[in-house]
Every structure is written in C-alpha cells, then in structure tokens.
Amino acid sequence: MEASAALGPLTILVNNAGVAGNNALLEAIDAEVFGRMFGVHVEGALICLQAVVGAMKAALWCRIVNIASNWGQLGFGRSCHYSGAKAALIAFAKSWARELAPWNVRANAVAPGMVRTAMTLAYGESAVREEGELTLLKRYAEPGEIAATIAFLVEPEGDYFTGQLLCPNGGDPIVGI
C-alpha cells in the first residue's frame, strides 16, 4: 500500500506478466514447467488483485484488464500450458466482472494475436513476420496497438464493457462466427 500512499488510490490493474511457452510439446511439460507457467500468468494475476481489491472496492471506480492471448481461445498445437494459462485469465476476467460489478469495478481481458515484442522476437524476426502473414491484415501488431485497446478499456469511454474479451488480432482468428 506504499504505492497508494505515494500515488493516490489504485484504480487500474493491468495483469500483463507473462512467460513464453517455448513451443513445448505435451510430453515436455513437467510439473515445474507447468507450475511456472500457471504461477506467473494465473497465480500472479490473482495475487495482484487480492492485494488491491479492498482499495478498489472502496474507490467505487476501478478497472482490471487481463492480458490473455488468441491461443487462450483456440488452443495451440504446441505449448498447451501457455494456452491453458491464457484461457484462465479470460475466465478470471469474466468471473471478476460478475463478482465486482456492485463496486463499479470493471474487469475485461485483451487477447492479442502476434505482437512484435522482445518475447516473440526470441523466436526470430522471420517467425514473427510469418505468423503476422497468417492474419487477414497480413502483419503482426505493434505494442502500441495493444496499448490503445487497453487504454480504451480503462478510460470512461470503456465504461460499458465488463466481462468482455477484446481481440486485437488482425482478423486471425475470427472467433464466434
């Protein structure tokens, strides 16, 4: 709560911590690898919210955004533990939206497709470019495009969104049709 004392009441929480799945096949995912994936993505998000939820309820205007992935909706032929952790963040947002609505706390998730970041570039520039070519827009996202989606959700213009999943993914996939 030192942050609240220094900066004022906490009204926005963006759960954006994450680790890559390293294209692990099912047989390579042992308890340690699985635990780290779910620990960083899922347990980390829960612990962060638990640390501030009392202050958020008292503030009566707060926003939570969980950063998921398109793989959390569709699964992935490699790194099922990554897909599972991202799916859990989507479910968390929906559940937290229901639980925290009486306190005017909005909870949503953002599920980007391929974004050109240090984490994705670890697979190589050509891999990022190739993945981007699979989208309808024939490119990957830049971090600022994802940041704009998050900014919308935490500003007053996003006030009627809660329990939702926004998917800045260049049209791949188009889910739900």
Foldseek 3Di string as FASTA:
>chain_A
DVCCVVPNQAAEAELDFAADLVQAAPVRCDPVNLCVHLCNQPVVLVVVCVVRVVSNLVVLAHEYEYEAAPCLVVPDNGRNSNNVSSVNLLVVQLVCLVVRVVSLYAGHYEHEYQEPDPRVCVVPPVVSQVSCCPAPQSHHHYPVVVVVVVVCCRDPVVSVDHSYYHYHYNPVDDPDD
